[in-house]
Amino acid sequence: MITNQEEKFEIVFNSLDEKPSEQLMFNTFLETYPEDWKQLKVTFSKFRRSKQFGKTIPLPRPEESLRKSIRVWLRKNATTSSSSKK
């Protein structure tokens, strides 16, 4: 749902001074990309109000969705990104 998500996570990761964690990346992402966060919340809100809510596969809350995306990205990229960060 976030456009260029991989690139944005990479930028957030490279901007961190501390050891990356899910919570730290989550907070930094919110600060760095407030418009993407707003759009994610708006999409969720529209879905909840739609007639489809409850009749289809539920859409995860924006916090859960972003945290899961960050967790998956960290598992996949943290080792390769940390070596390129040095």
N, C-alpha and C. Protein backbone atom coordinates (compact mmCIF):
# COMPACT_ATOMS: atom_id res chain seq x y z
N MET A 1 0.80 -1.20 0.00
CA MET A 1 0.00 0.00 0.00
C MET A 1 0.84 1.27 0.00
N ILE A 2 2.09 1.16 0.44
CA ILE A 2 2.98 2.31 0.43
C ILE A 2 3.81 2.25 -0.84
N THR A 3 3.78 3.32 -1.61
CA THR A 3 4.54 3.32 -2.86
C THR A 3 6.04 3.39 -2.55
N ASN A 4 6.82 2.65 -3.32
CA ASN A 4 8.28 2.60 -3.15
C ASN A 4 8.69 2.23 -1.72
N GLN A 5 7.96 1.29 -1.16
CA GLN A 5 8.16 0.90 0.24
C GLN A 5 9.59 0.44 0.51
N GLU A 6 10.13 -0.40 -0.36
CA GLU A 6 11.49 -0.92 -0.16
C GLU A 6 12.51 0.22 -0.10
N GLU A 7 12.40 1.15 -1.01
CA GLU A 7 13.33 2.29 -1.04
C GLU A 7 13.19 3.15 0.21
N LYS A 8 11.97 3.38 0.64
CA LYS A 8 11.73 4.21 1.82
C LYS A 8 12.27 3.52 3.08
N PHE A 9 12.08 2.22 3.19
CA PHE A 9 12.63 1.50 4.33
C PHE A 9 14.16 1.57 4.32
N GLU A 10 14.75 1.48 3.13
CA GLU A 10 16.21 1.57 3.01
C GLU A 10 16.70 2.94 3.47
N ILE A 11 16.00 3.99 3.08
CA ILE A 11 16.37 5.35 3.48
C ILE A 11 16.25 5.50 4.99
N VAL A 12 15.15 5.00 5.56
CA VAL A 12 14.96 5.07 7.01
C VAL A 12 16.07 4.29 7.71
N PHE A 13 16.35 3.10 7.23
CA PHE A 13 17.38 2.25 7.83
C PHE A 13 18.74 2.97 7.83
N ASN A 14 19.08 3.56 6.71
CA ASN A 14 20.38 4.23 6.59
C ASN A 14 20.46 5.52 7.40
N SER A 15 19.31 6.08 7.76
CA SER A 15 19.32 7.32 8.55
C SER A 15 19.46 7.05 10.05
N LEU A 16 19.35 5.80 10.46
CA LEU A 16 19.42 5.47 11.89
C LEU A 16 20.85 5.50 12.40
N ASP A 17 21.02 6.10 13.58
CA ASP A 17 22.33 6.12 14.22
C ASP A 17 22.49 4.94 15.17
N GLU A 18 21.37 4.46 15.68
CA GLU A 18 21.39 3.34 16.64
C GLU A 18 21.18 2.02 15.90
N LYS A 19 21.28 0.95 16.66
CA LYS A 19 21.01 -0.37 16.09
C LYS A 19 19.54 -0.41 15.68
N PRO A 20 19.26 -0.80 14.44
CA PRO A 20 17.87 -0.79 13.97
C PRO A 20 16.99 -1.81 14.70
N SER A 21 15.81 -1.37 15.04
CA SER A 21 14.80 -2.25 15.62
C SER A 21 13.47 -1.92 14.94
N GLU A 22 12.52 -2.82 15.11
CA GLU A 22 11.21 -2.59 14.50
C GLU A 22 10.60 -1.29 15.00
N GLN A 23 10.66 -1.06 16.32
CA GLN A 23 10.06 0.15 16.91
C GLN A 23 10.77 1.41 16.43
N LEU A 24 12.08 1.38 16.39
CA LEU A 24 12.84 2.55 15.95
C LEU A 24 12.56 2.86 14.49
N MET A 25 12.51 1.84 13.67
CA MET A 25 12.20 2.07 12.24
C MET A 25 10.78 2.58 12.07
N PHE A 26 9.85 2.04 12.85
CA PHE A 26 8.46 2.48 12.80
C PHE A 26 8.37 3.98 13.12
N ASN A 27 8.97 4.38 14.23
CA ASN A 27 8.93 5.79 14.64
C ASN A 27 9.61 6.70 13.63
N THR A 28 10.76 6.27 13.11
CA THR A 28 11.48 7.07 12.13
C THR A 28 10.70 7.18 10.83
N PHE A 29 10.05 6.09 10.43
CA PHE A 29 9.23 6.13 9.22
C PHE A 29 8.11 7.16 9.37
N LEU A 30 7.44 7.17 10.54
CA LEU A 30 6.36 8.13 10.77
C LEU A 30 6.85 9.56 10.67
N GLU A 31 8.05 9.81 11.19
CA GLU A 31 8.62 11.16 11.14
C GLU A 31 9.05 11.54 9.72
N THR A 32 9.62 10.57 9.01
CA THR A 32 10.16 10.85 7.69
C THR A 32 9.09 10.92 6.60
N TYR A 33 8.08 10.08 6.72
CA TYR A 33 7.05 10.00 5.68
C TYR A 33 5.64 10.15 6.26
N PRO A 34 5.31 11.33 6.80
CA PRO A 34 3.98 11.52 7.40
C PRO A 34 2.84 11.39 6.38
N GLU A 35 3.09 11.76 5.13
CA GLU A 35 2.03 11.67 4.12
C GLU A 35 1.68 10.21 3.80
N ASP A 36 2.70 9.35 3.74
CA ASP A 36 2.43 7.93 3.50
C ASP A 36 1.66 7.33 4.66
N TRP A 37 2.02 7.72 5.88
CA TRP A 37 1.32 7.23 7.07
C TRP A 37 -0.13 7.70 7.05
N LYS A 38 -0.34 8.96 6.70
CA LYS A 38 -1.70 9.51 6.63
C LYS A 38 -2.52 8.75 5.58
N GLN A 39 -1.92 8.48 4.43
CA GLN A 39 -2.63 7.77 3.37
C GLN A 39 -3.00 6.35 3.80
N LEU A 40 -2.11 5.69 4.53
CA LEU A 40 -2.39 4.35 5.03
C LEU A 40 -3.59 4.37 5.98
N LYS A 41 -3.64 5.38 6.86
CA LYS A 41 -4.76 5.50 7.80
C LYS A 41 -6.06 5.84 7.08
N VAL A 42 -5.99 6.70 6.07
CA VAL A 42 -7.18 7.07 5.30
C VAL A 42 -7.74 5.86 4.57
N THR A 43 -6.86 5.07 3.97
CA THR A 43 -7.29 3.86 3.26
C THR A 43 -8.00 2.91 4.20
N PHE A 44 -7.43 2.71 5.38
CA PHE A 44 -8.05 1.83 6.37
C PHE A 44 -9.40 2.37 6.81
N SER A 45 -9.47 3.66 7.04
CA SER A 45 -10.72 4.28 7.48
C SER A 45 -11.82 4.14 6.42
N LYS A 46 -11.45 4.35 5.16
CA LYS A 46 -12.42 4.21 4.07
C LYS A 46 -12.91 2.76 3.97
N PHE A 47 -12.00 1.82 4.14
CA PHE A 47 -12.36 0.41 4.07
C PHE A 47 -13.33 0.05 5.19
N ARG A 48 -13.08 0.56 6.38
CA ARG A 48 -13.95 0.27 7.53
C ARG A 48 -15.36 0.79 7.30
N ARG A 49 -15.46 1.94 6.62
CA ARG A 49 -16.78 2.52 6.38
C ARG A 49 -17.49 1.91 5.18
N SER A 50 -16.75 1.19 4.36
CA SER A 50 -17.34 0.64 3.15
C SER A 50 -18.29 -0.50 3.47
N LYS A 51 -19.11 -0.85 2.51
CA LYS A 51 -20.07 -1.93 2.69
C LYS A 51 -19.38 -3.28 2.72
N GLN A 52 -18.13 -3.33 2.27
CA GLN A 52 -17.40 -4.59 2.23
C GLN A 52 -16.90 -5.01 3.61
N PHE A 53 -16.81 -4.06 4.54
CA PHE A 53 -16.24 -4.37 5.85
C PHE A 53 -17.03 -5.50 6.51
N GLY A 54 -16.35 -6.51 6.95
CA GLY A 54 -17.00 -7.65 7.59
C GLY A 54 -17.41 -8.73 6.62
N LYS A 55 -17.41 -8.42 5.34
CA LYS A 55 -17.83 -9.40 4.33
C LYS A 55 -16.64 -9.96 3.57
N THR A 56 -15.48 -9.36 3.75
CA THR A 56 -14.29 -9.79 3.03
C THR A 56 -13.18 -10.09 4.03
N ILE A 57 -12.02 -10.44 3.53
CA ILE A 57 -10.86 -10.64 4.40
C ILE A 57 -10.56 -9.30 5.06
N PRO A 58 -10.45 -9.28 6.39
CA PRO A 58 -10.25 -8.00 7.07
C PRO A 58 -8.91 -7.36 6.72
N LEU A 59 -8.93 -6.05 6.61
CA LEU A 59 -7.73 -5.27 6.35
C LEU A 59 -7.06 -5.01 7.70
N PRO A 60 -5.76 -5.31 7.84
CA PRO A 60 -5.11 -5.07 9.13
C PRO A 60 -5.04 -3.58 9.45
N ARG A 61 -5.03 -3.27 10.74
CA ARG A 61 -4.91 -1.87 11.16
C ARG A 61 -3.61 -1.29 10.60
N PRO A 62 -3.57 0.01 10.36
CA PRO A 62 -2.37 0.63 9.77
C PRO A 62 -1.09 0.34 10.56
N GLU A 63 -1.19 0.39 11.91
CA GLU A 63 -0.01 0.13 12.74
C GLU A 63 0.49 -1.29 12.52
N GLU A 64 -0.43 -2.25 12.53
CA GLU A 64 -0.06 -3.65 12.34
C GLU A 64 0.53 -3.88 10.96
N SER A 65 -0.08 -3.28 9.98
CA SER A 65 0.38 -3.45 8.60
C SER A 65 1.80 -2.91 8.42
N LEU A 66 2.05 -1.70 8.91
CA LEU A 66 3.37 -1.09 8.76
C LEU A 66 4.41 -1.85 9.57
N ARG A 67 4.07 -2.23 10.80
CA ARG A 67 5.02 -2.99 11.62
C ARG A 67 5.38 -4.32 10.98
N LYS A 68 4.40 -4.99 10.42
CA LYS A 68 4.67 -6.27 9.77
C LYS A 68 5.57 -6.07 8.55
N SER A 69 5.30 -5.05 7.77
CA SER A 69 6.14 -4.76 6.59
C SER A 69 7.57 -4.46 7.01
N ILE A 70 7.73 -3.70 8.08
CA ILE A 70 9.07 -3.37 8.58
C ILE A 70 9.76 -4.64 9.09
N ARG A 71 9.04 -5.46 9.83
CA ARG A 71 9.60 -6.70 10.37
C ARG A 71 10.11 -7.60 9.25
N VAL A 72 9.29 -7.76 8.22
CA VAL A 72 9.67 -8.59 7.08
C VAL A 72 10.89 -7.99 6.37
N TRP A 73 10.87 -6.68 6.17
CA TRP A 73 11.99 -6.02 5.50
C TRP A 73 13.27 -6.17 6.31
N LEU A 74 13.17 -5.99 7.63
CA LEU A 74 14.36 -6.13 8.47
C LEU A 74 14.95 -7.53 8.38
N ARG A 75 14.10 -8.54 8.44
CA ARG A 75 14.59 -9.92 8.34
C ARG A 75 15.30 -10.15 7.02
N LYS A 76 14.73 -9.60 5.96
CA LYS A 76 15.25 -9.83 4.62
C LYS A 76 16.51 -9.00 4.34
N ASN A 77 16.59 -7.79 4.88
CA ASN A 77 17.63 -6.86 4.46
C ASN A 77 18.62 -6.41 5.52
N ALA A 78 18.34 -6.63 6.77
CA ALA A 78 19.18 -6.06 7.83
C ALA A 78 20.63 -6.51 7.72
N THR A 79 20.88 -7.76 7.43
CA THR A 79 22.26 -8.23 7.36
C THR A 79 23.00 -7.66 6.16
N THR A 80 22.32 -7.58 5.02
CA THR A 80 22.99 -7.02 3.84
C THR A 80 23.11 -5.50 3.93
N SER A 81 22.12 -4.84 4.51
CA SER A 81 22.16 -3.38 4.62
C SER A 81 23.16 -2.93 5.66
N SER A 82 23.30 -3.67 6.74
CA SER A 82 24.24 -3.25 7.78
C SER A 82 25.68 -3.32 7.28
N SER A 83 25.98 -4.27 6.43
CA SER A 83 27.33 -4.34 5.89
C SER A 83 27.60 -3.22 4.90
N SER A 84 26.58 -2.79 4.18
CA SER A 84 26.76 -1.69 3.23
C SER A 84 26.74 -0.34 3.92
N LYS A 85 26.24 -0.30 5.17
CA LYS A 85 26.14 0.93 5.92
C LYS A 85 27.50 1.34 6.50
N LYS A 86 28.40 0.39 6.69
CA LYS A 86 29.70 0.65 7.31
C LYS A 86 30.63 1.45 6.42
